[in-house]
Amino acid sequence: MPAVPPLNWDPRLFNAAARHARDMATRNYFSHTGLDGRVLAQRVSAEGYAWTSVGENLAAGEPSVEGVLAGWLSSPGHCSNLMSRDFVEFGVSCVLQPSDRAVPYWALVLARP
């Protein structure tokens, strides 16, 4: 896919990503929909971010940033999110599952205000 301009970091998007990654890790599930039924748009709005476009990439089990990015870039849907001109800001988080397995859960939130 063609390159797009760099994204800007947004702490509200980080908070939405971190809360969802932490919820998945502590409650042992993997989904774009939280166990409370909230979806991405609701989670981002709850952080006070007034968005016009919003997207999310998730990963679990991959221990490195390089591995997560390689997986996302090799997946058409995830790559499309990463290279979309619809998004100009992002937040990303990785949370380890609180157990002896310590599975990493990744959440990337992309948006445009």
PDB file of N, CA and C in Angstrom:
ATOM      1  N   MET A   1       0.850  -1.180   0.000  1.00  0.00           N
ATOM      2  CA  MET A   1       0.000   0.000   0.000  1.00  0.00           C
ATOM      3  C   MET A   1       0.891   1.238   0.000  1.00  0.00           C
ATOM      4  N   PRO A   2       0.405   2.327  -0.585  1.00  0.00           N
ATOM      5  CA  PRO A   2       1.208   3.542  -0.601  1.00  0.00           C
ATOM      6  C   PRO A   2       1.402   4.113   0.802  1.00  0.00           C
ATOM      7  N   ALA A   3       2.551   4.728   0.991  1.00  0.00           N
ATOM      8  CA  ALA A   3       2.870   5.342   2.285  1.00  0.00           C
ATOM      9  C   ALA A   3       1.935   6.517   2.550  1.00  0.00           C
ATOM     10  N   VAL A   4       1.723   6.782   3.838  1.00  0.00           N
ATOM     11  CA  VAL A   4       0.908   7.910   4.284  1.00  0.00           C
ATOM     12  C   VAL A   4       1.752   8.739   5.246  1.00  0.00           C
ATOM     13  N   PRO A   5       1.334   9.971   5.532  1.00  0.00           N
ATOM     14  CA  PRO A   5       2.101  10.790   6.485  1.00  0.00           C
ATOM     15  C   PRO A   5       2.146  10.131   7.868  1.00  0.00           C
ATOM     16  N   PRO A   6       3.160  10.469   8.653  1.00  0.00           N
ATOM     17  CA  PRO A   6       3.251   9.923  10.017  1.00  0.00           C
ATOM     18  C   PRO A   6       2.026  10.322  10.843  1.00  0.00           C
ATOM     19  N   LEU A   7       1.680   9.472  11.785  1.00  0.00           N
ATOM     20  CA  LEU A   7       0.583   9.749  12.698  1.00  0.00           C
ATOM     21  C   LEU A   7       1.093  10.493  13.923  1.00  0.00           C
ATOM     22  N   ASN A   8       0.214  11.219  14.566  1.00  0.00           N
ATOM     23  CA  ASN A   8       0.542  11.920  15.807  1.00  0.00           C
ATOM     24  C   ASN A   8      -0.004  11.140  16.994  1.00  0.00           C
ATOM     25  N   TRP A   9       0.757  11.146  18.087  1.00  0.00           N
ATOM     26  CA  TRP A   9       0.356  10.472  19.314  1.00  0.00           C
ATOM     27  C   TRP A   9      -0.761  11.262  19.990  1.00  0.00           C
ATOM     28  N   ASP A  10      -1.746  10.558  20.521  1.00  0.00           N
ATOM     29  CA  ASP A  10      -2.791  11.216  21.295  1.00  0.00           C
ATOM     30  C   ASP A  10      -2.995  10.438  22.591  1.00  0.00           C
ATOM     31  N   PRO A  11      -2.881  11.095  23.744  1.00  0.00           N
ATOM     32  CA  PRO A  11      -3.003  10.383  25.016  1.00  0.00           C
ATOM     33  C   PRO A  11      -4.390   9.792  25.250  1.00  0.00           C
ATOM     34  N   ARG A  12      -5.426  10.378  24.696  1.00  0.00           N
ATOM     35  CA  ARG A  12      -6.769   9.817  24.864  1.00  0.00           C
ATOM     36  C   ARG A  12      -6.899   8.502  24.108  1.00  0.00           C
ATOM     37  N   LEU A  13      -6.280   8.428  22.937  1.00  0.00           N
ATOM     38  CA  LEU A  13      -6.295   7.182  22.177  1.00  0.00           C
ATOM     39  C   LEU A  13      -5.441   6.122  22.876  1.00  0.00           C
ATOM     40  N   PHE A  14      -4.329   6.565  23.475  1.00  0.00           N
ATOM     41  CA  PHE A  14      -3.531   5.642  24.290  1.00  0.00           C
ATOM     42  C   PHE A  14      -4.371   5.089  25.442  1.00  0.00           C
ATOM     43  N   ASN A  15      -5.110   5.952  26.128  1.00  0.00           N
ATOM     44  CA  ASN A  15      -5.933   5.498  27.249  1.00  0.00           C
ATOM     45  C   ASN A  15      -6.970   4.471  26.796  1.00  0.00           C
ATOM     46  N   ALA A  16      -7.610   4.727  25.658  1.00  0.00           N
ATOM     47  CA  ALA A  16      -8.596   3.769  25.139  1.00  0.00           C
ATOM     48  C   ALA A  16      -7.929   2.437  24.812  1.00  0.00           C
ATOM     49  N   ALA A  17      -6.746   2.480  24.190  1.00  0.00           N
ATOM     50  CA  ALA A  17      -6.005   1.261  23.853  1.00  0.00           C
ATOM     51  C   ALA A  17      -5.569   0.532  25.120  1.00  0.00           C
ATOM     52  N   ALA A  18      -5.023   1.274  26.067  1.00  0.00           N
ATOM     53  CA  ALA A  18      -4.509   0.657  27.293  1.00  0.00           C
ATOM     54  C   ALA A  18      -5.624   0.020  28.118  1.00  0.00           C
ATOM     55  N   ARG A  19      -6.748   0.688  28.225  1.00  0.00           N
ATOM     56  CA  ARG A  19      -7.858   0.121  29.000  1.00  0.00           C
ATOM     57  C   ARG A  19      -8.375  -1.170  28.363  1.00  0.00           C
ATOM     58  N   HIS A  20      -8.467  -1.179  27.024  1.00  0.00           N
ATOM     59  CA  HIS A  20      -8.970  -2.379  26.361  1.00  0.00           C
ATOM     60  C   HIS A  20      -7.948  -3.514  26.442  1.00  0.00           C
ATOM     61  N   ALA A  21      -6.666  -3.213  26.227  1.00  0.00           N
ATOM     62  CA  ALA A  21      -5.629  -4.244  26.332  1.00  0.00           C
ATOM     63  C   ALA A  21      -5.590  -4.810  27.751  1.00  0.00           C
ATOM     64  N   ARG A  22      -5.689  -3.947  28.750  1.00  0.00           N
ATOM     65  CA  ARG A  22      -5.679  -4.410  30.141  1.00  0.00           C
ATOM     66  C   ARG A  22      -6.906  -5.275  30.439  1.00  0.00           C
ATOM     67  N   ASP A  23      -8.073  -4.877  29.921  1.00  0.00           N
ATOM     68  CA  ASP A  23      -9.285  -5.652  30.142  1.00  0.00           C
ATOM     69  C   ASP A  23      -9.159  -7.040  29.510  1.00  0.00           C
ATOM     70  N   MET A  24      -8.663  -7.101  28.266  1.00  0.00           N
ATOM     71  CA  MET A  24      -8.490  -8.397  27.607  1.00  0.00           C
ATOM     72  C   MET A  24      -7.495  -9.265  28.376  1.00  0.00           C
ATOM     73  N   ALA A  25      -6.393  -8.659  28.828  1.00  0.00           N
ATOM     74  CA  ALA A  25      -5.358  -9.418  29.533  1.00  0.00           C
ATOM     75  C   ALA A  25      -5.863  -9.938  30.874  1.00  0.00           C
ATOM     76  N   THR A  26      -6.523  -9.097  31.647  1.00  0.00           N
ATOM     77  CA  THR A  26      -6.935  -9.519  32.981  1.00  0.00           C
ATOM     78  C   THR A  26      -8.152 -10.433  32.959  1.00  0.00           C
ATOM     79  N   ARG A  27      -8.987 -10.315  31.903  1.00  0.00           N
ATOM     80  CA  ARG A  27     -10.205 -11.137  31.843  1.00  0.00           C
ATOM     81  C   ARG A  27     -10.089 -12.271  30.826  1.00  0.00           C
ATOM     82  N   ASN A  28      -8.897 -12.398  30.225  1.00  0.00           N
ATOM     83  CA  ASN A  28      -8.541 -13.522  29.354  1.00  0.00           C
ATOM     84  C   ASN A  28      -9.507 -13.719  28.175  1.00  0.00           C
ATOM     85  N   TYR A  29      -9.608 -12.690  27.336  1.00  0.00           N
ATOM     86  CA  TYR A  29     -10.383 -12.809  26.098  1.00  0.00           C
ATOM     87  C   TYR A  29      -9.692 -11.982  25.030  1.00  0.00           C
ATOM     88  N   PHE A  30     -10.129 -12.129  23.790  1.00  0.00           N
ATOM     89  CA  PHE A  30      -9.531 -11.399  22.670  1.00  0.00           C
ATOM     90  C   PHE A  30     -10.646 -11.027  21.706  1.00  0.00           C
ATOM     91  N   SER A  31     -11.000  -9.752  21.670  1.00  0.00           N
ATOM     92  CA  SER A  31     -12.108  -9.312  20.830  1.00  0.00           C
ATOM     93  C   SER A  31     -12.109  -7.797  20.702  1.00  0.00           C
ATOM     94  N   HIS A  32     -12.649  -7.314  19.591  1.00  0.00           N
ATOM     95  CA  HIS A  32     -12.847  -5.876  19.428  1.00  0.00           C
ATOM     96  C   HIS A  32     -14.008  -5.374  20.275  1.00  0.00           C
ATOM     97  N   THR A  33     -14.843  -6.273  20.741  1.00  0.00           N
ATOM     98  CA  THR A  33     -15.952  -5.923  21.634  1.00  0.00           C
ATOM     99  C   THR A  33     -15.587  -6.344  23.047  1.00  0.00           C
ATOM    100  N   GLY A  34     -15.680  -5.405  23.992  1.00  0.00           N
ATOM    101  CA  GLY A  34     -15.380  -5.724  25.373  1.00  0.00           C
ATOM    102  C   GLY A  34     -16.427  -6.650  25.968  1.00  0.00           C
ATOM    103  N   LEU A  35     -16.094  -7.291  27.063  1.00  0.00           N
ATOM    104  CA  LEU A  35     -17.050  -8.170  27.723  1.00  0.00           C
ATOM    105  C   LEU A  35     -18.239  -7.386  28.278  1.00  0.00           C
ATOM    106  N   ASP A  36     -18.083  -6.069  28.414  1.00  0.00           N
ATOM    107  CA  ASP A  36     -19.202  -5.217  28.831  1.00  0.00           C
ATOM    108  C   ASP A  36     -20.079  -4.816  27.646  1.00  0.00           C
ATOM    109  N   GLY A  37     -19.722  -5.271  26.439  1.00  0.00           N
ATOM    110  CA  GLY A  37     -20.497  -4.977  25.238  1.00  0.00           C
ATOM    111  C   GLY A  37     -20.087  -3.706  24.523  1.00  0.00           C
ATOM    112  N   ARG A  38     -19.145  -2.943  25.111  1.00  0.00           N
ATOM    113  CA  ARG A  38     -18.727  -1.699  24.455  1.00  0.00           C
ATOM    114  C   ARG A  38     -17.810  -1.998  23.282  1.00  0.00           C
ATOM    115  N   VAL A  39     -17.982  -1.206  22.224  1.00  0.00           N
ATOM    116  CA  VAL A  39     -17.158  -1.314  21.030  1.00  0.00           C
ATOM    117  C   VAL A  39     -16.177  -0.146  20.986  1.00  0.00           C
ATOM    118  N   LEU A  40     -15.270  -0.192  20.040  1.00  0.00           N
ATOM    119  CA  LEU A  40     -14.208   0.811  19.925  1.00  0.00           C
ATOM    120  C   LEU A  40     -14.738   2.242  19.976  1.00  0.00           C
ATOM    121  N   ALA A  41     -15.731   2.561  19.162  1.00  0.00           N
ATOM    122  CA  ALA A  41     -16.242   3.932  19.114  1.00  0.00           C
ATOM    123  C   ALA A  41     -16.686   4.406  20.493  1.00  0.00           C
ATOM    124  N   GLN A  42     -17.308   3.535  21.245  1.00  0.00           N
ATOM    125  CA  GLN A  42     -17.752   3.893  22.593  1.00  0.00           C
ATOM    126  C   GLN A  42     -16.567   4.093  23.534  1.00  0.00           C
ATOM    127  N   ARG A  43     -15.555   3.241  23.425  1.00  0.00           N
ATOM    128  CA  ARG A  43     -14.379   3.365  24.289  1.00  0.00           C
ATOM    129  C   ARG A  43     -13.617   4.655  24.010  1.00  0.00           C
ATOM    130  N   VAL A  44     -13.497   5.009  22.729  1.00  0.00           N
ATOM    131  CA  VAL A  44     -12.779   6.233  22.359  1.00  0.00           C
ATOM    132  C   VAL A  44     -13.578   7.461  22.788  1.00  0.00           C
ATOM    133  N   SER A  45     -14.860   7.461  22.565  1.00  0.00           N
ATOM    134  CA  SER A  45     -15.706   8.588  22.985  1.00  0.00           C
ATOM    135  C   SER A  45     -15.670   8.767  24.497  1.00  0.00           C
ATOM    136  N   ALA A  46     -15.610   7.673  25.243  1.00  0.00           N
ATOM    137  CA  ALA A  46     -15.560   7.747  26.703  1.00  0.00           C
ATOM    138  C   ALA A  46     -14.289   8.423  27.199  1.00  0.00           C
ATOM    139  N   GLU A  47     -13.248   8.436  26.369  1.00  0.00           N
ATOM    140  CA  GLU A  47     -11.994   9.123  26.730  1.00  0.00           C
ATOM    141  C   GLU A  47     -12.044  10.606  26.386  1.00  0.00           C
ATOM    142  N   GLY A  48     -13.163  11.080  25.835  1.00  0.00           N
ATOM    143  CA  GLY A  48     -13.293  12.496  25.507  1.00  0.00           C
ATOM    144  C   GLY A  48     -12.755  12.860  24.140  1.00  0.00           C
ATOM    145  N   TYR A  49     -12.561  11.880  23.279  1.00  0.00           N
ATOM    146  CA  TYR A  49     -12.046  12.125  21.930  1.00  0.00           C
ATOM    147  C   TYR A  49     -13.224  12.192  20.972  1.00  0.00           C
ATOM    148  N   ALA A  50     -13.424  13.347  20.356  1.00  0.00           N
ATOM    149  CA  ALA A  50     -14.497  13.527  19.369  1.00  0.00           C
ATOM    150  C   ALA A  50     -13.954  13.136  18.006  1.00  0.00           C
ATOM    151  N   TRP A  51     -14.274  11.945  17.559  1.00  0.00           N
ATOM    152  CA  TRP A  51     -13.688  11.372  16.356  1.00  0.00           C
ATOM    153  C   TRP A  51     -14.644  11.467  15.167  1.00  0.00           C
ATOM    154  N   THR A  52     -14.030  11.500  13.965  1.00  0.00           N
ATOM    155  CA  THR A  52     -14.808  11.379  12.724  1.00  0.00           C
ATOM    156  C   THR A  52     -14.511  10.049  12.044  1.00  0.00           C
ATOM    157  N   SER A  53     -13.319   9.491  12.295  1.00  0.00           N
ATOM    158  CA  SER A  53     -12.931   8.157  11.826  1.00  0.00           C
ATOM    159  C   SER A  53     -12.192   7.475  12.965  1.00  0.00           C
ATOM    160  N   VAL A  54     -12.442   6.186  13.127  1.00  0.00           N
ATOM    161  CA  VAL A  54     -11.766   5.447  14.196  1.00  0.00           C
ATOM    162  C   VAL A  54     -11.570   4.003  13.753  1.00  0.00           C
ATOM    163  N   GLY A  55     -10.421   3.433  14.109  1.00  0.00           N
ATOM    164  CA  GLY A  55     -10.115   2.051  13.769  1.00  0.00           C
ATOM    165  C   GLY A  55      -9.249   1.424  14.846  1.00  0.00           C
ATOM    166  N   GLU A  56      -9.133   0.106  14.794  1.00  0.00           N
ATOM    167  CA  GLU A  56      -8.393  -0.598  15.839  1.00  0.00           C
ATOM    168  C   GLU A  56      -7.723  -1.834  15.272  1.00  0.00           C
ATOM    169  N   ASN A  57      -6.492  -2.062  15.691  1.00  0.00           N
ATOM    170  CA  ASN A  57      -5.780  -3.310  15.425  1.00  0.00           C
ATOM    171  C   ASN A  57      -5.480  -3.948  16.774  1.00  0.00           C
ATOM    172  N   LEU A  58      -5.680  -5.253  16.866  1.00  0.00           N
ATOM    173  CA  LEU A  58      -5.378  -6.006  18.075  1.00  0.00           C
ATOM    174  C   LEU A  58      -4.418  -7.142  17.752  1.00  0.00           C
ATOM    175  N   ALA A  59      -3.672  -7.558  18.760  1.00  0.00           N
ATOM    176  CA  ALA A  59      -2.810  -8.729  18.644  1.00  0.00           C
ATOM    177  C   ALA A  59      -2.654  -9.322  20.042  1.00  0.00           C
ATOM    178  N   ALA A  60      -2.342 -10.593  20.087  1.00  0.00           N
ATOM    179  CA  ALA A  60      -2.085 -11.254  21.371  1.00  0.00           C
ATOM    180  C   ALA A  60      -1.058 -12.354  21.165  1.00  0.00           C
ATOM    181  N   GLY A  61      -0.194 -12.494  22.147  1.00  0.00           N
ATOM    182  CA  GLY A  61       0.779 -13.577  22.131  1.00  0.00           C
ATOM    183  C   GLY A  61       2.128 -13.230  21.542  1.00  0.00           C
ATOM    184  N   GLU A  62       2.199 -12.202  20.722  1.00  0.00           N
ATOM    185  CA  GLU A  62       3.471 -11.814  20.097  1.00  0.00           C
ATOM    186  C   GLU A  62       4.271 -10.960  21.087  1.00  0.00           C
ATOM    187  N   PRO A  63       5.505 -11.367  21.425  1.00  0.00           N
ATOM    188  CA  PRO A  63       6.259 -10.635  22.443  1.00  0.00           C
ATOM    189  C   PRO A  63       6.968  -9.360  21.971  1.00  0.00           C
ATOM    190  N   SER A  64       7.093  -9.151  20.660  1.00  0.00           N
ATOM    191  CA  SER A  64       7.885  -7.991  20.213  1.00  0.00           C
ATOM    192  C   SER A  64       7.071  -7.035  19.341  1.00  0.00           C
ATOM    193  N   VAL A  65       7.459  -5.774  19.395  1.00  0.00           N
ATOM    194  CA  VAL A  65       6.847  -4.759  18.536  1.00  0.00           C
ATOM    195  C   VAL A  65       7.043  -5.143  17.076  1.00  0.00           C
ATOM    196  N   GLU A  66       8.250  -5.591  16.732  1.00  0.00           N
ATOM    197  CA  GLU A  66       8.546  -5.969  15.349  1.00  0.00           C
ATOM    198  C   GLU A  66       7.625  -7.089  14.869  1.00  0.00           C
ATOM    199  N   GLY A  67       7.388  -8.059  15.731  1.00  0.00           N
ATOM    200  CA  GLY A  67       6.521  -9.173  15.368  1.00  0.00           C
ATOM    201  C   GLY A  67       5.073  -8.751  15.186  1.00  0.00           C
ATOM    202  N   VAL A  68       4.602  -7.879  16.074  1.00  0.00           N
ATOM    203  CA  VAL A  68       3.233  -7.375  15.956  1.00  0.00           C
ATOM    204  C   VAL A  68       3.083  -6.589  14.662  1.00  0.00           C
ATOM    205  N   LEU A  69       4.015  -5.697  14.386  1.00  0.00           N
ATOM    206  CA  LEU A  69       3.934  -4.904  13.152  1.00  0.00           C
ATOM    207  C   LEU A  69       4.013  -5.793  11.916  1.00  0.00           C
ATOM    208  N   ALA A  70       4.887  -6.780  11.940  1.00  0.00           N
ATOM    209  CA  ALA A  70       4.996  -7.694  10.792  1.00  0.00           C
ATOM    210  C   ALA A  70       3.670  -8.422  10.566  1.00  0.00           C
ATOM    211  N   GLY A  71       3.036  -8.855  11.642  1.00  0.00           N
ATOM    212  CA  GLY A  71       1.740  -9.521  11.521  1.00  0.00           C
ATOM    213  C   GLY A  71       0.680  -8.592  10.968  1.00  0.00           C
ATOM    214  N   TRP A  72       0.618  -7.372  11.471  1.00  0.00           N
ATOM    215  CA  TRP A  72      -0.364  -6.407  10.991  1.00  0.00           C
ATOM    216  C   TRP A  72      -0.114  -6.039   9.527  1.00  0.00           C
ATOM    217  N   LEU A  73       1.143  -5.873   9.151  1.00  0.00           N
ATOM    218  CA  LEU A  73       1.444  -5.506   7.767  1.00  0.00           C
ATOM    219  C   LEU A  73       1.156  -6.640   6.784  1.00  0.00           C
ATOM    220  N   SER A  74       1.218  -7.880   7.251  1.00  0.00           N
ATOM    221  CA  SER A  74       0.940  -9.007   6.352  1.00  0.00           C
ATOM    222  C   SER A  74      -0.550  -9.345   6.271  1.00  0.00           C
ATOM    223  N   SER A  75      -1.356  -8.689   7.083  1.00  0.00           N
ATOM    224  CA  SER A  75      -2.808  -8.903   7.077  1.00  0.00           C
ATOM    225  C   SER A  75      -3.466  -7.754   6.314  1.00  0.00           C
ATOM    226  N   PRO A  76      -4.202  -8.038   5.233  1.00  0.00           N
ATOM    227  CA  PRO A  76      -4.793  -6.950   4.445  1.00  0.00           C
ATOM    228  C   PRO A  76      -5.642  -5.972   5.260  1.00  0.00           C
ATOM    229  N   GLY A  77      -6.476  -6.457   6.140  1.00  0.00           N
ATOM    230  CA  GLY A  77      -7.323  -5.565   6.935  1.00  0.00           C
ATOM    231  C   GLY A  77      -6.538  -4.704   7.906  1.00  0.00           C
ATOM    232  N   HIS A  78      -5.576  -5.314   8.591  1.00  0.00           N
ATOM    233  CA  HIS A  78      -4.764  -4.563   9.542  1.00  0.00           C
ATOM    234  C   HIS A  78      -3.859  -3.565   8.821  1.00  0.00           C
ATOM    235  N   CYS A  79      -3.275  -3.994   7.706  1.00  0.00           N
ATOM    236  CA  CYS A  79      -2.417  -3.101   6.929  1.00  0.00           C
ATOM    237  C   CYS A  79      -3.219  -1.919   6.399  1.00  0.00           C
ATOM    238  N   SER A  80      -4.434  -2.182   5.966  1.00  0.00           N
ATOM    239  CA  SER A  80      -5.301  -1.116   5.485  1.00  0.00           C
ATOM    240  C   SER A  80      -5.532  -0.062   6.563  1.00  0.00           C
ATOM    241  N   ASN A  81      -5.733  -0.505   7.807  1.00  0.00           N
ATOM    242  CA  ASN A  81      -5.870   0.457   8.906  1.00  0.00           C
ATOM    243  C   ASN A  81      -4.596   1.280   9.073  1.00  0.00           C
ATOM    244  N   LEU A  82      -3.446   0.600   9.078  1.00  0.00           N
ATOM    245  CA  LEU A  82      -2.168   1.294   9.290  1.00  0.00           C
ATOM    246  C   LEU A  82      -1.876   2.316   8.196  1.00  0.00           C
ATOM    247  N   MET A  83      -2.290   2.019   6.970  1.00  0.00           N
ATOM    248  CA  MET A  83      -1.937   2.872   5.841  1.00  0.00           C
ATOM    249  C   MET A  83      -3.104   3.753   5.369  1.00  0.00           C
ATOM    250  N   SER A  84      -4.136   3.852   6.172  1.00  0.00           N
ATOM    251  CA  SER A  84      -5.312   4.635   5.790  1.00  0.00           C
ATOM    252  C   SER A  84      -5.099   6.129   5.989  1.00  0.00           C
ATOM    253  N   ARG A  85      -5.480   6.900   5.000  1.00  0.00           N
ATOM    254  CA  ARG A  85      -5.450   8.361   5.128  1.00  0.00           C
ATOM    255  C   ARG A  85      -6.592   8.866   5.997  1.00  0.00           C
ATOM    256  N   ASP A  86      -7.495   7.980   6.402  1.00  0.00           N
ATOM    257  CA  ASP A  86      -8.596   8.363   7.285  1.00  0.00           C
ATOM    258  C   ASP A  86      -8.118   8.677   8.697  1.00  0.00           C
ATOM    259  N   PHE A  87      -6.926   8.205   9.058  1.00  0.00           N
ATOM    260  CA  PHE A  87      -6.435   8.348  10.425  1.00  0.00           C
ATOM    261  C   PHE A  87      -5.234   9.282  10.474  1.00  0.00           C
ATOM    262  N   VAL A  88      -5.187  10.135  11.493  1.00  0.00           N
ATOM    263  CA  VAL A  88      -4.065  11.066  11.656  1.00  0.00           C
ATOM    264  C   VAL A  88      -3.448  11.005  13.055  1.00  0.00           C
ATOM    265  N   GLU A  89      -4.115  10.309  13.984  1.00  0.00           N
ATOM    266  CA  GLU A  89      -3.612  10.201  15.353  1.00  0.00           C
ATOM    267  C   GLU A  89      -3.719   8.752  15.813  1.00  0.00           C
ATOM    268  N   PHE A  90      -2.935   8.405  16.841  1.00  0.00           N
ATOM    269  CA  PHE A  90      -2.945   7.023  17.322  1.00  0.00           C
ATOM    270  C   PHE A  90      -2.576   6.953  18.797  1.00  0.00           C
ATOM    271  N   GLY A  91      -2.862   5.823  19.376  1.00  0.00           N
ATOM    272  CA  GLY A  91      -2.388   5.429  20.694  1.00  0.00           C
ATOM    273  C   GLY A  91      -2.242   3.920  20.661  1.00  0.00           C
ATOM    274  N   VAL A  92      -1.211   3.403  21.293  1.00  0.00           N
ATOM    275  CA  VAL A  92      -0.978   1.954  21.288  1.00  0.00           C
ATOM    276  C   VAL A  92      -0.530   1.531  22.674  1.00  0.00           C
ATOM    277  N   SER A  93      -0.904   0.313  23.045  1.00  0.00           N
ATOM    278  CA  SER A  93      -0.538  -0.201  24.363  1.00  0.00           C
ATOM    279  C   SER A  93      -0.320  -1.704  24.290  1.00  0.00           C
ATOM    280  N   CYS A  94       0.563  -2.182  25.137  1.00  0.00           N
ATOM    281  CA  CYS A  94       0.786  -3.621  25.311  1.00  0.00           C
ATOM    282  C   CYS A  94       0.688  -3.905  26.804  1.00  0.00           C
ATOM    283  N   VAL A  95      -0.143  -4.872  27.163  1.00  0.00           N
ATOM    284  CA  VAL A  95      -0.332  -5.250  28.563  1.00  0.00           C
ATOM    285  C   VAL A  95      -0.092  -6.747  28.688  1.00  0.00           C
ATOM    286  N   LEU A  96       0.710  -7.116  29.681  1.00  0.00           N
ATOM    287  CA  LEU A  96       0.970  -8.535  29.924  1.00  0.00           C
ATOM    288  C   LEU A  96      -0.120  -9.122  30.804  1.00  0.00           C
ATOM    289  N   GLN A  97      -0.568 -10.309  30.424  1.00  0.00           N
ATOM    290  CA  GLN A  97      -1.555 -11.024  31.217  1.00  0.00           C
ATOM    291  C   GLN A  97      -0.965 -11.309  32.595  1.00  0.00           C
ATOM    292  N   PRO A  98      -1.714 -11.010  33.663  1.00  0.00           N
ATOM    293  CA  PRO A  98      -1.166 -11.218  35.012  1.00  0.00           C
ATOM    294  C   PRO A  98      -1.222 -12.688  35.426  1.00  0.00           C
ATOM    295  N   SER A  99      -0.291 -13.453  34.885  1.00  0.00           N
ATOM    296  CA  SER A  99      -0.209 -14.873  35.213  1.00  0.00           C
ATOM    297  C   SER A  99       1.212 -15.332  34.948  1.00  0.00           C
ATOM    298  N   ASP A 100       1.462 -16.584  35.221  1.00  0.00           N
ATOM    299  CA  ASP A 100       2.800 -17.107  34.951  1.00  0.00           C
ATOM    300  C   ASP A 100       3.073 -17.215  33.460  1.00  0.00           C
ATOM    301  N   ARG A 101       2.009 -17.176  32.624  1.00  0.00           N
ATOM    302  CA  ARG A 101       2.198 -17.217  31.169  1.00  0.00           C
ATOM    303  C   ARG A 101       2.586 -15.856  30.612  1.00  0.00           C
ATOM    304  N   ALA A 102       2.099 -14.776  31.220  1.00  0.00           N
ATOM    305  CA  ALA A 102       2.404 -13.396  30.819  1.00  0.00           C
ATOM    306  C   ALA A 102       2.225 -13.162  29.317  1.00  0.00           C
ATOM    307  N   VAL A 103       1.054 -13.519  28.791  1.00  0.00           N
ATOM    308  CA  VAL A 103       0.748 -13.321  27.379  1.00  0.00           C
ATOM    309  C   VAL A 103       0.563 -11.826  27.114  1.00  0.00           C
ATOM    310  N   PRO A 104       1.268 -11.248  26.125  1.00  0.00           N
ATOM    311  CA  PRO A 104       1.074  -9.831  25.810  1.00  0.00           C
ATOM    312  C   PRO A 104      -0.181  -9.619  24.949  1.00  0.00           C
ATOM    313  N   TYR A 105      -0.961  -8.636  25.331  1.00  0.00           N
ATOM    314  CA  TYR A 105      -2.136  -8.199  24.571  1.00  0.00           C
ATOM    315  C   TYR A 105      -1.857  -6.800  24.052  1.00  0.00           C
ATOM    316  N   TRP A 106      -2.002  -6.608  22.743  1.00  0.00           N
ATOM    317  CA  TRP A 106      -1.710  -5.342  22.073  1.00  0.00           C
ATOM    318  C   TRP A 106      -2.999  -4.718  21.557  1.00  0.00           C
ATOM    319  N   ALA A 107      -3.117  -3.402  21.728  1.00  0.00           N
ATOM    320  CA  ALA A 107      -4.239  -2.656  21.150  1.00  0.00           C
ATOM    321  C   ALA A 107      -3.691  -1.368  20.549  1.00  0.00           C
ATOM    322  N   LEU A 108      -4.028  -1.132  19.290  1.00  0.00           N
ATOM    323  CA  LEU A 108      -3.664   0.083  18.571  1.00  0.00           C
ATOM    324  C   LEU A 108      -4.975   0.758  18.172  1.00  0.00           C
ATOM    325  N   VAL A 109      -5.128   2.016  18.578  1.00  0.00           N
ATOM    326  CA  VAL A 109      -6.313   2.789  18.213  1.00  0.00           C
ATOM    327  C   VAL A 109      -5.863   3.904  17.268  1.00  0.00           C
ATOM    328  N   LEU A 110      -6.517   4.005  16.128  1.00  0.00           N
ATOM    329  CA  LEU A 110      -6.224   5.010  15.108  1.00  0.00           C
ATOM    330  C   LEU A 110      -7.468   5.871  14.941  1.00  0.00           C
ATOM    331  N   ALA A 111      -7.283   7.185  14.741  1.00  0.00           N
ATOM    332  CA  ALA A 111      -8.470   8.046  14.637  1.00  0.00           C
ATOM    333  C   ALA A 111      -8.151   9.354  13.925  1.00  0.00           C
ATOM    334  N   ARG A 112      -9.208  10.034  13.594  1.00  0.00           N
ATOM    335  CA  ARG A 112      -9.171  11.407  13.094  1.00  0.00           C
ATOM    336  C   ARG A 112     -10.219  12.171  13.891  1.00  0.00           C
ATOM    337  N   PRO A 113      -9.815  13.336  14.438  1.00  0.00           N
ATOM    338  CA  PRO A 113     -10.802  14.133  15.193  1.00  0.00           C
ATOM    339  C   PRO A 113     -11.853  14.750  14.276  1.00  0.00           C
TER     340      PRO A 113
END
